[in-house]
Amino acid sequence: MILSQFIFTLFCTVGFCLGLRIVTSENQILSFLRKPFENLAQLIKDKEELLKWTSETCHLKMYDEIEVLKIKYYLTKPLIMCITCLASVWGLTWFILLNGASIDLIKFMVLNSFIAAFIQTFIWNLYERL
């Protein structure tokens, strides 16, 4: 793989992920995508705390509810919620779209995702300070 091609793919990944995170932020055009999932982590904590204080008969139902919430949380985190996690799914997607998929490119796919995660997290932290 040529270095310039890798850098182009990396910039496309970072640009897409940052753009997606910005347009899904509060008061932006796609904020409705994040709304239902924003408080999932706190809701899981609250339900787990409540689980400690409930009777044994309620445990199975409540445990199932917590498991469903955790699945939603862990599925939405790399898709639209976490700027660092966006690089895993979208980095792989962009890499395959731009370069194709083959066994020889796996190391570059992984490298693209890791580098994109660091770059976009750094840029997002700077953006939030503005």
C-alpha atoms as a PDB file:
ATOM      1  CA  MET A   1       0.000   0.000   0.000  1.00  0.00           C
ATOM      2  CA  ILE A   2       1.292   3.427  -0.921  1.00  0.00           C
ATOM      3  CA  LEU A   3       1.776   5.885   1.966  1.00  0.00           C
ATOM      4  CA  SER A   4      -0.194   8.639   0.227  1.00  0.00           C
ATOM      5  CA  GLN A   5      -3.130   6.272  -0.272  1.00  0.00           C
ATOM      6  CA  PHE A   6      -3.035   5.317   3.420  1.00  0.00           C
ATOM      7  CA  ILE A   7      -2.920   8.962   4.521  1.00  0.00           C
ATOM      8  CA  PHE A   8      -5.835   9.816   2.211  1.00  0.00           C
ATOM      9  CA  THR A   9      -7.858   6.949   3.702  1.00  0.00           C
ATOM     10  CA  LEU A  10      -6.945   8.106   7.204  1.00  0.00           C
ATOM     11  CA  PHE A  11      -8.068  11.678   6.493  1.00  0.00           C
ATOM     12  CA  CYS A  12     -11.329  10.437   4.977  1.00  0.00           C
ATOM     13  CA  THR A  13     -11.974   8.320   8.067  1.00  0.00           C
ATOM     14  CA  VAL A  14     -11.185  11.133  10.504  1.00  0.00           C
ATOM     15  CA  GLY A  15     -13.175  13.671   8.497  1.00  0.00           C
ATOM     16  CA  PHE A  16     -16.221  11.443   8.259  1.00  0.00           C
ATOM     17  CA  CYS A  17     -16.179  10.496  11.937  1.00  0.00           C
ATOM     18  CA  LEU A  18     -15.744  14.083  13.119  1.00  0.00           C
ATOM     19  CA  GLY A  19     -18.445  15.261  10.735  1.00  0.00           C
ATOM     20  CA  LEU A  20     -20.822  12.549  11.893  1.00  0.00           C
ATOM     21  CA  ARG A  21     -20.178  13.409  15.530  1.00  0.00           C
ATOM     22  CA  ILE A  22     -20.753  17.110  14.898  1.00  0.00           C
ATOM     23  CA  VAL A  23     -24.017  16.715  12.977  1.00  0.00           C
ATOM     24  CA  THR A  24     -25.377  14.380  15.657  1.00  0.00           C
ATOM     25  CA  SER A  25     -24.510  16.777  18.482  1.00  0.00           C
ATOM     26  CA  GLU A  26     -27.171  18.591  20.448  1.00  0.00           C
ATOM     27  CA  ASN A  27     -29.142  21.177  18.416  1.00  0.00           C
ATOM     28  CA  GLN A  28     -27.754  19.872  15.127  1.00  0.00           C
ATOM     29  CA  ILE A  29     -29.655  18.428  12.178  1.00  0.00           C
ATOM     30  CA  LEU A  30     -29.166  14.733  13.084  1.00  0.00           C
ATOM     31  CA  SER A  31     -29.325  15.075  16.868  1.00  0.00           C
ATOM     32  CA  PHE A  32     -32.450  12.900  16.903  1.00  0.00           C
ATOM     33  CA  LEU A  33     -30.204   9.878  16.182  1.00  0.00           C
ATOM     34  CA  ARG A  34     -28.351  10.282  19.493  1.00  0.00           C
ATOM     35  CA  LYS A  35     -31.271  11.398  21.674  1.00  0.00           C
ATOM     36  CA  PRO A  36     -32.681   7.961  22.610  1.00  0.00           C
ATOM     37  CA  PHE A  37     -29.241   6.635  23.556  1.00  0.00           C
ATOM     38  CA  GLU A  38     -27.602   9.550  25.396  1.00  0.00           C
ATOM     39  CA  ASN A  39     -28.574   8.521  28.911  1.00  0.00           C
ATOM     40  CA  LEU A  40     -28.181   4.765  28.558  1.00  0.00           C
ATOM     41  CA  ALA A  41     -25.040   4.555  30.715  1.00  0.00           C
ATOM     42  CA  GLN A  42     -26.710   6.403  33.577  1.00  0.00           C
ATOM     43  CA  LEU A  43     -29.896   4.365  33.177  1.00  0.00           C
ATOM     44  CA  ILE A  44     -27.901   1.130  33.400  1.00  0.00           C
ATOM     45  CA  LYS A  45     -26.174   2.353  36.584  1.00  0.00           C
ATOM     46  CA  ASP A  46     -29.497   3.367  38.119  1.00  0.00           C
ATOM     47  CA  LYS A  47     -31.125   0.029  37.329  1.00  0.00           C
ATOM     48  CA  GLU A  48     -28.147  -1.908  38.689  1.00  0.00           C
ATOM     49  CA  GLU A  49     -28.320   0.117  41.901  1.00  0.00           C
ATOM     50  CA  LEU A  50     -32.058  -0.509  42.126  1.00  0.00           C
ATOM     51  CA  LEU A  51     -31.407  -4.205  41.541  1.00  0.00           C
ATOM     52  CA  LYS A  52     -29.495  -4.323  44.826  1.00  0.00           C
ATOM     53  CA  TRP A  53     -32.539  -3.103  46.728  1.00  0.00           C
ATOM     54  CA  THR A  54     -35.307  -5.137  45.080  1.00  0.00           C
ATOM     55  CA  SER A  55     -36.680  -8.463  46.138  1.00  0.00           C
ATOM     56  CA  GLU A  56     -35.526 -11.736  44.638  1.00  0.00           C
ATOM     57  CA  THR A  57     -38.709 -12.116  42.544  1.00  0.00           C
ATOM     58  CA  CYS A  58     -37.978  -8.935  40.596  1.00  0.00           C
ATOM     59  CA  HIS A  59     -34.358  -9.843  39.878  1.00  0.00           C
ATOM     60  CA  LEU A  60     -34.863 -11.888  36.710  1.00  0.00           C
ATOM     61  CA  LYS A  61     -37.062  -9.307  35.000  1.00  0.00           C
ATOM     62  CA  MET A  62     -34.819  -6.435  36.012  1.00  0.00           C
ATOM     63  CA  TYR A  63     -31.687  -8.351  35.041  1.00  0.00           C
ATOM     64  CA  ASP A  64     -33.153  -8.922  31.566  1.00  0.00           C
ATOM     65  CA  GLU A  65     -33.948  -5.214  31.218  1.00  0.00           C
ATOM     66  CA  ILE A  66     -30.389  -4.302  32.193  1.00  0.00           C
ATOM     67  CA  GLU A  67     -28.959  -6.777  29.678  1.00  0.00           C
ATOM     68  CA  VAL A  68     -31.090  -5.308  26.866  1.00  0.00           C
ATOM     69  CA  LEU A  69     -29.943  -1.786  27.811  1.00  0.00           C
ATOM     70  CA  LYS A  70     -26.315  -2.915  27.828  1.00  0.00           C
ATOM     71  CA  ILE A  71     -26.662  -4.448  24.367  1.00  0.00           C
ATOM     72  CA  LYS A  72     -28.160  -1.191  23.029  1.00  0.00           C
ATOM     73  CA  TYR A  73     -25.393   0.789  24.707  1.00  0.00           C
ATOM     74  CA  TYR A  74     -22.561  -1.340  23.315  1.00  0.00           C
ATOM     75  CA  LEU A  75     -24.059  -1.374  19.817  1.00  0.00           C
ATOM     76  CA  THR A  76     -24.691   2.357  19.549  1.00  0.00           C
ATOM     77  CA  LYS A  77     -21.409   3.442  21.107  1.00  0.00           C
ATOM     78  CA  PRO A  78     -19.204   2.696  18.055  1.00  0.00           C
ATOM     79  CA  LEU A  79     -21.907   3.763  15.581  1.00  0.00           C
ATOM     80  CA  ILE A  80     -22.845   7.277  16.758  1.00  0.00           C
ATOM     81  CA  MET A  81     -22.073   7.895  20.431  1.00  0.00           C
ATOM     82  CA  CYS A  82     -18.333   7.794  21.174  1.00  0.00           C
ATOM     83  CA  ILE A  83     -15.864   9.773  19.074  1.00  0.00           C
ATOM     84  CA  THR A  84     -13.031   7.360  19.848  1.00  0.00           C
ATOM     85  CA  CYS A  85     -15.162   4.288  19.135  1.00  0.00           C
ATOM     86  CA  LEU A  86     -16.403   5.678  15.818  1.00  0.00           C
ATOM     87  CA  ALA A  87     -13.021   4.860  14.304  1.00  0.00           C
ATOM     88  CA  SER A  88     -13.544   1.144  14.795  1.00  0.00           C
ATOM     89  CA  VAL A  89     -16.684   0.707  12.687  1.00  0.00           C
ATOM     90  CA  TRP A  90     -16.431   3.669  10.366  1.00  0.00           C
ATOM     91  CA  GLY A  91     -12.661   3.374   9.986  1.00  0.00           C
ATOM     92  CA  LEU A  92     -13.032  -0.175   8.765  1.00  0.00           C
ATOM     93  CA  THR A  93     -15.945   0.806   6.521  1.00  0.00           C
ATOM     94  CA  TRP A  94     -14.080   3.681   4.903  1.00  0.00           C
ATOM     95  CA  PHE A  95     -10.935   1.627   4.495  1.00  0.00           C
ATOM     96  CA  ILE A  96     -12.795  -1.149   2.676  1.00  0.00           C
ATOM     97  CA  LEU A  97     -14.716   1.344   0.518  1.00  0.00           C
ATOM     98  CA  LEU A  98     -11.560   3.138  -0.591  1.00  0.00           C
ATOM     99  CA  ASN A  99      -9.061   0.272  -0.752  1.00  0.00           C
ATOM    100  CA  GLY A 100     -10.988  -2.971  -0.956  1.00  0.00           C
ATOM    101  CA  ALA A 101     -10.526  -5.908   1.364  1.00  0.00           C
ATOM    102  CA  SER A 102      -7.779  -8.471   1.294  1.00  0.00           C
ATOM    103  CA  ILE A 103      -5.659 -10.381   3.775  1.00  0.00           C
ATOM    104  CA  ASP A 104      -2.636  -8.268   2.895  1.00  0.00           C
ATOM    105  CA  LEU A 105      -4.427  -5.088   3.973  1.00  0.00           C
ATOM    106  CA  ILE A 106      -5.543  -6.238   7.445  1.00  0.00           C
ATOM    107  CA  LYS A 107      -2.572  -4.632   9.189  1.00  0.00           C
ATOM    108  CA  PHE A 108      -3.356  -1.344   7.432  1.00  0.00           C
ATOM    109  CA  MET A 109      -7.042  -1.598   8.394  1.00  0.00           C
ATOM    110  CA  VAL A 110      -6.126  -1.980  12.052  1.00  0.00           C
ATOM    111  CA  LEU A 111      -3.516   0.761  11.852  1.00  0.00           C
ATOM    112  CA  ASN A 112      -6.027   3.079  10.163  1.00  0.00           C
ATOM    113  CA  SER A 113      -8.566   2.537  12.946  1.00  0.00           C
ATOM    114  CA  PHE A 114      -6.064   3.084  15.761  1.00  0.00           C
ATOM    115  CA  ILE A 115      -4.496   6.205  14.278  1.00  0.00           C
ATOM    116  CA  ALA A 116      -7.915   7.642  13.378  1.00  0.00           C
ATOM    117  CA  ALA A 117      -9.133   7.035  16.933  1.00  0.00           C
ATOM    118  CA  PHE A 118      -6.258   9.021  18.414  1.00  0.00           C
ATOM    119  CA  ILE A 119      -6.458  11.856  15.883  1.00  0.00           C
ATOM    120  CA  GLN A 120     -10.216  12.350  16.058  1.00  0.00           C
ATOM    121  CA  THR A 121     -10.269  12.145  19.870  1.00  0.00           C
ATOM    122  CA  PHE A 122      -7.561  14.803  20.027  1.00  0.00           C
ATOM    123  CA  ILE A 123      -9.358  17.058  17.545  1.00  0.00           C
ATOM    124  CA  TRP A 124     -12.740  16.521  19.256  1.00  0.00           C
ATOM    125  CA  ASN A 125     -11.282  17.477  22.647  1.00  0.00           C
ATOM    126  CA  LEU A 126      -9.890  20.662  21.107  1.00  0.00           C
ATOM    127  CA  TYR A 127     -13.259  21.353  19.450  1.00  0.00           C
ATOM    128  CA  GLU A 128     -15.145  20.949  22.735  1.00  0.00           C
ATOM    129  CA  ARG A 129     -12.883  23.489  24.426  1.00  0.00           C
ATOM    130  CA  LEU A 130     -13.901  26.203  21.932  1.00  0.00           C
END
